[in-house]
């Protein structure tokens, strides 16, 4: 319901402004359909990158998480983790 309301508001705004800067949802849909042969390979490459990133993160996070059950390792790693907590996550993005 919320998506339909947003698309309806977008359509009304596109009609009122009548600008190339804000095409209607139907124009966007038709352009997407016409250019799907160009977009799909790029979408697939992006999807592969996301899946590889998640697989790499999980393959590193699970063993490190299991290692935290060891008290000796937890005593070494915990101060580093607590030191990194205040850093905003957006800063760590490439």
N, C-alpha and C. Protein backbone atom coordinates (compact mmCIF):
# COMPACT_ATOMS: atom_id res chain seq x y z
N UNK A 1 0.83 -1.19 0.00
CA UNK A 1 0.00 0.00 0.00
C UNK A 1 0.87 1.26 0.00
N UNK A 2 1.92 1.25 0.81
CA UNK A 2 2.80 2.41 0.88
C UNK A 2 3.54 2.60 -0.44
N UNK A 3 3.95 1.50 -1.06
CA UNK A 3 4.65 1.59 -2.35
C UNK A 3 3.73 2.19 -3.42
N UNK A 4 2.48 1.76 -3.42
CA UNK A 4 1.52 2.29 -4.39
C UNK A 4 1.31 3.78 -4.17
N UNK A 5 1.26 4.20 -2.92
CA UNK A 5 1.07 5.61 -2.61
C UNK A 5 2.28 6.43 -3.06
N UNK A 6 3.47 5.90 -2.86
CA UNK A 6 4.69 6.60 -3.28
C UNK A 6 4.74 6.72 -4.80
N UNK A 7 4.40 5.64 -5.50
CA UNK A 7 4.41 5.67 -6.97
C UNK A 7 3.34 6.63 -7.48
N UNK A 8 2.18 6.65 -6.84
CA UNK A 8 1.12 7.57 -7.24
C UNK A 8 1.56 9.02 -7.03
N UNK A 9 2.18 9.32 -5.90
CA UNK A 9 2.67 10.67 -5.63
C UNK A 9 3.76 11.05 -6.63
N UNK A 10 4.63 10.11 -6.95
CA UNK A 10 5.68 10.34 -7.94
C UNK A 10 5.05 10.67 -9.29
N UNK A 11 4.02 9.92 -9.67
CA UNK A 11 3.35 10.14 -10.96
C UNK A 11 2.70 11.53 -10.99
N UNK A 12 2.01 11.90 -9.92
CA UNK A 12 1.38 13.22 -9.86
C UNK A 12 2.41 14.34 -9.93
N UNK A 13 3.50 14.18 -9.22
CA UNK A 13 4.55 15.19 -9.23
C UNK A 13 5.18 15.30 -10.62
N UNK A 14 5.37 14.18 -11.29
CA UNK A 14 5.93 14.20 -12.65
C UNK A 14 5.00 14.91 -13.61
N UNK A 15 3.69 14.71 -13.44
CA UNK A 15 2.72 15.38 -14.31
C UNK A 15 2.71 16.89 -14.03
N UNK A 16 2.75 17.27 -12.75
CA UNK A 16 2.70 18.70 -12.40
C UNK A 16 3.95 19.44 -12.85
N UNK A 17 5.12 18.83 -12.69
CA UNK A 17 6.36 19.51 -13.05
C UNK A 17 6.62 19.47 -14.55
N UNK A 18 6.21 18.38 -15.21
CA UNK A 18 6.41 18.21 -16.65
C UNK A 18 7.86 18.50 -17.03
N UNK A 19 8.78 17.84 -16.37
CA UNK A 19 10.20 18.09 -16.55
C UNK A 19 10.91 16.80 -16.94
N UNK A 20 12.00 16.96 -17.71
CA UNK A 20 12.80 15.78 -18.04
C UNK A 20 13.61 15.31 -16.84
N UNK A 21 13.75 16.16 -15.85
CA UNK A 21 14.50 15.79 -14.66
C UNK A 21 13.73 14.81 -13.79
N UNK A 22 12.40 14.78 -13.93
CA UNK A 22 11.58 13.86 -13.14
C UNK A 22 10.61 13.14 -14.08
N UNK A 23 11.05 12.03 -14.68
CA UNK A 23 10.14 11.28 -15.56
C UNK A 23 9.09 10.54 -14.74
N UNK A 24 8.01 10.19 -15.40
CA UNK A 24 6.94 9.46 -14.71
C UNK A 24 7.38 8.02 -14.47
N UNK A 25 6.72 7.34 -13.55
CA UNK A 25 7.06 5.94 -13.29
C UNK A 25 6.92 5.05 -14.52
N UNK A 26 5.93 5.34 -15.37
CA UNK A 26 5.76 4.55 -16.59
C UNK A 26 6.92 4.74 -17.56
N UNK A 27 7.41 5.97 -17.69
CA UNK A 27 8.57 6.22 -18.55
C UNK A 27 9.79 5.47 -18.04
N UNK A 28 9.97 5.47 -16.72
CA UNK A 28 11.09 4.74 -16.13
C UNK A 28 10.95 3.25 -16.38
N UNK A 29 9.75 2.73 -16.23
CA UNK A 29 9.51 1.30 -16.47
C UNK A 29 9.78 0.93 -17.92
N UNK A 30 9.27 1.73 -18.87
CA UNK A 30 9.48 1.44 -20.28
C UNK A 30 10.96 1.54 -20.66
N UNK A 31 11.67 2.52 -20.11
CA UNK A 31 13.10 2.64 -20.37
C UNK A 31 13.85 1.46 -19.80
N UNK A 32 13.47 1.02 -18.62
CA UNK A 32 14.10 -0.15 -18.02
C UNK A 32 13.88 -1.39 -18.88
N UNK A 33 12.66 -1.56 -19.38
CA UNK A 33 12.35 -2.72 -20.23
C UNK A 33 13.14 -2.65 -21.54
N UNK A 34 13.24 -1.47 -22.13
CA UNK A 34 13.97 -1.32 -23.39
C UNK A 34 15.47 -1.54 -23.23
N UNK A 35 16.02 -1.23 -22.07
CA UNK A 35 17.46 -1.34 -21.87
C UNK A 35 17.85 -2.54 -21.02
N UNK A 36 16.96 -3.50 -20.84
CA UNK A 36 17.27 -4.62 -19.97
C UNK A 36 18.42 -5.47 -20.50
N UNK A 37 18.59 -5.54 -21.82
CA UNK A 37 19.70 -6.33 -22.35
C UNK A 37 21.04 -5.69 -21.98
N UNK A 38 21.05 -4.38 -21.78
CA UNK A 38 22.26 -3.69 -21.35
C UNK A 38 22.43 -3.75 -19.83
N UNK A 39 21.33 -3.68 -19.10
CA UNK A 39 21.39 -3.60 -17.64
C UNK A 39 21.62 -4.95 -16.97
N UNK A 40 21.06 -6.02 -17.51
CA UNK A 40 21.12 -7.31 -16.84
C UNK A 40 22.54 -7.85 -16.63
N UNK A 41 23.46 -7.75 -17.62
CA UNK A 41 24.83 -8.21 -17.34
C UNK A 41 25.49 -7.43 -16.21
N UNK A 42 25.26 -6.13 -16.17
CA UNK A 42 25.84 -5.31 -15.11
C UNK A 42 25.20 -5.62 -13.76
N UNK A 43 23.90 -5.89 -13.77
CA UNK A 43 23.21 -6.29 -12.55
C UNK A 43 23.76 -7.61 -12.02
N UNK A 44 24.03 -8.54 -12.93
CA UNK A 44 24.58 -9.84 -12.54
C UNK A 44 25.98 -9.69 -11.94
N UNK A 45 26.80 -8.84 -12.53
CA UNK A 45 28.15 -8.61 -11.98
C UNK A 45 28.06 -8.00 -10.59
N UNK A 46 27.15 -7.04 -10.40
CA UNK A 46 26.98 -6.44 -9.08
C UNK A 46 26.49 -7.47 -8.07
N UNK A 47 25.58 -8.33 -8.49
CA UNK A 47 25.08 -9.38 -7.60
C UNK A 47 26.19 -10.35 -7.20
N UNK A 48 27.05 -10.70 -8.14
CA UNK A 48 28.18 -11.58 -7.84
C UNK A 48 29.11 -10.91 -6.83
N UNK A 49 29.36 -9.62 -6.99
CA UNK A 49 30.22 -8.90 -6.04
C UNK A 49 29.63 -8.90 -4.64
N UNK A 50 28.33 -8.68 -4.55
CA UNK A 50 27.67 -8.66 -3.25
C UNK A 50 27.75 -10.03 -2.59
N UNK A 51 27.48 -11.09 -3.36
CA UNK A 51 27.52 -12.45 -2.81
C UNK A 51 28.94 -12.80 -2.37
N UNK A 52 29.94 -12.43 -3.16
CA UNK A 52 31.33 -12.70 -2.77
C UNK A 52 31.71 -11.93 -1.50
N UNK A 53 31.26 -10.69 -1.39
CA UNK A 53 31.53 -9.91 -0.19
C UNK A 53 30.90 -10.51 1.04
N UNK A 54 29.66 -10.96 0.91
CA UNK A 54 28.99 -11.59 2.05
C UNK A 54 29.68 -12.90 2.42
N UNK A 55 30.07 -13.68 1.41
CA UNK A 55 30.75 -14.95 1.68
C UNK A 55 32.08 -14.71 2.38
N UNK A 56 32.83 -13.70 1.94
CA UNK A 56 34.10 -13.37 2.59
C UNK A 56 33.87 -12.91 4.02
N UNK A 57 32.87 -12.07 4.24
CA UNK A 57 32.59 -11.58 5.59
C UNK A 57 32.19 -12.72 6.52
N UNK A 58 31.34 -13.62 6.04
CA UNK A 58 30.90 -14.74 6.87
C UNK A 58 32.06 -15.69 7.15
N UNK A 59 32.90 -15.93 6.13
CA UNK A 59 34.02 -16.85 6.34
C UNK A 59 35.04 -16.30 7.33
N UNK A 60 35.10 -15.00 7.48
CA UNK A 60 35.99 -14.42 8.49
C UNK A 60 35.30 -14.25 9.84
N UNK A 61 34.03 -13.87 9.82
CA UNK A 61 33.33 -13.55 11.06
C UNK A 61 33.01 -14.78 11.90
N UNK A 62 32.64 -15.87 11.27
CA UNK A 62 32.25 -17.06 12.04
C UNK A 62 33.44 -17.63 12.82
N UNK A 63 34.59 -17.86 12.19
CA UNK A 63 35.72 -18.37 12.99
C UNK A 63 36.17 -17.39 14.08
N UNK A 64 36.17 -16.09 13.76
CA UNK A 64 36.57 -15.12 14.77
C UNK A 64 35.56 -15.07 15.91
N UNK A 65 34.29 -15.21 15.60
CA UNK A 65 33.26 -15.24 16.64
C UNK A 65 33.41 -16.46 17.52
N UNK A 66 33.72 -17.60 16.91
CA UNK A 66 33.91 -18.82 17.70
C UNK A 66 35.17 -18.74 18.55
N UNK A 67 36.19 -18.04 18.04
CA UNK A 67 37.42 -17.88 18.83
C UNK A 67 37.19 -17.01 20.07
N UNK A 68 36.18 -16.17 20.04
CA UNK A 68 35.94 -15.29 21.19
C UNK A 68 35.46 -16.07 22.41
N UNK A 69 35.08 -17.32 22.24
CA UNK A 69 34.69 -18.14 23.38
C UNK A 69 35.91 -18.54 24.22
N UNK A 70 37.08 -18.46 23.63
CA UNK A 70 38.31 -18.75 24.38
C UNK A 70 38.67 -17.51 25.21
N UNK A 71 38.82 -17.69 26.50
CA UNK A 71 39.09 -16.55 27.39
C UNK A 71 40.42 -15.88 27.07
N UNK A 72 41.43 -16.66 26.72
CA UNK A 72 42.75 -16.09 26.43
C UNK A 72 42.68 -15.16 25.21
N UNK A 73 42.02 -15.62 24.18
CA UNK A 73 41.92 -14.82 22.96
C UNK A 73 41.00 -13.62 23.19
N UNK A 74 39.94 -13.82 23.96
CA UNK A 74 39.01 -12.73 24.24
C UNK A 74 39.71 -11.61 25.00
N UNK A 75 40.61 -11.95 25.89
CA UNK A 75 41.35 -10.92 26.64
C UNK A 75 42.25 -10.10 25.72
N UNK A 76 42.72 -10.70 24.64
CA UNK A 76 43.59 -9.99 23.70
C UNK A 76 42.76 -9.13 22.74
N UNK A 77 41.67 -9.70 22.24
CA UNK A 77 40.90 -9.04 21.18
C UNK A 77 39.90 -8.02 21.72
N UNK A 78 39.36 -8.23 22.90
CA UNK A 78 38.31 -7.35 23.44
C UNK A 78 38.74 -5.88 23.51
N UNK A 79 39.93 -5.55 23.98
CA UNK A 79 40.30 -4.12 24.01
C UNK A 79 40.33 -3.48 22.62
N UNK A 80 40.75 -4.24 21.63
CA UNK A 80 40.78 -3.71 20.26
C UNK A 80 39.36 -3.45 19.78
N UNK A 81 38.46 -4.38 20.05
CA UNK A 81 37.06 -4.23 19.63
C UNK A 81 36.44 -3.02 20.33
N UNK A 82 36.67 -2.88 21.62
CA UNK A 82 36.11 -1.75 22.37
C UNK A 82 36.69 -0.42 21.89
N UNK A 83 37.93 -0.45 21.42
CA UNK A 83 38.56 0.75 20.89
C UNK A 83 37.91 1.16 19.57
N UNK A 84 37.46 0.18 18.79
CA UNK A 84 36.88 0.47 17.48
C UNK A 84 35.39 0.80 17.52
N UNK A 85 34.72 0.54 18.64
CA UNK A 85 33.28 0.80 18.75
C UNK A 85 32.88 2.24 18.41
N UNK A 86 33.59 3.27 18.90
CA UNK A 86 33.13 4.64 18.65
C UNK A 86 33.28 5.11 17.20
N UNK A 87 34.04 4.38 16.39
CA UNK A 87 34.25 4.80 15.01
C UNK A 87 32.97 4.54 14.21
N UNK A 88 32.45 5.56 13.53
CA UNK A 88 31.25 5.35 12.71
C UNK A 88 31.51 4.32 11.61
N UNK A 89 30.52 3.49 11.34
CA UNK A 89 30.69 2.42 10.36
C UNK A 89 30.92 2.96 8.95
N UNK A 90 30.40 4.12 8.65
CA UNK A 90 30.54 4.68 7.31
C UNK A 90 32.00 5.01 7.00
N UNK A 91 32.79 5.28 8.02
CA UNK A 91 34.20 5.60 7.83
C UNK A 91 34.97 4.38 7.33
N UNK A 92 34.51 3.20 7.68
CA UNK A 92 35.22 1.98 7.32
C UNK A 92 34.92 1.52 5.90
N UNK A 93 33.97 2.15 5.23
CA UNK A 93 33.64 1.77 3.86
C UNK A 93 34.70 2.30 2.90
N UNK A 94 34.98 1.54 1.84
CA UNK A 94 36.00 2.02 0.88
C UNK A 94 35.52 3.19 0.07
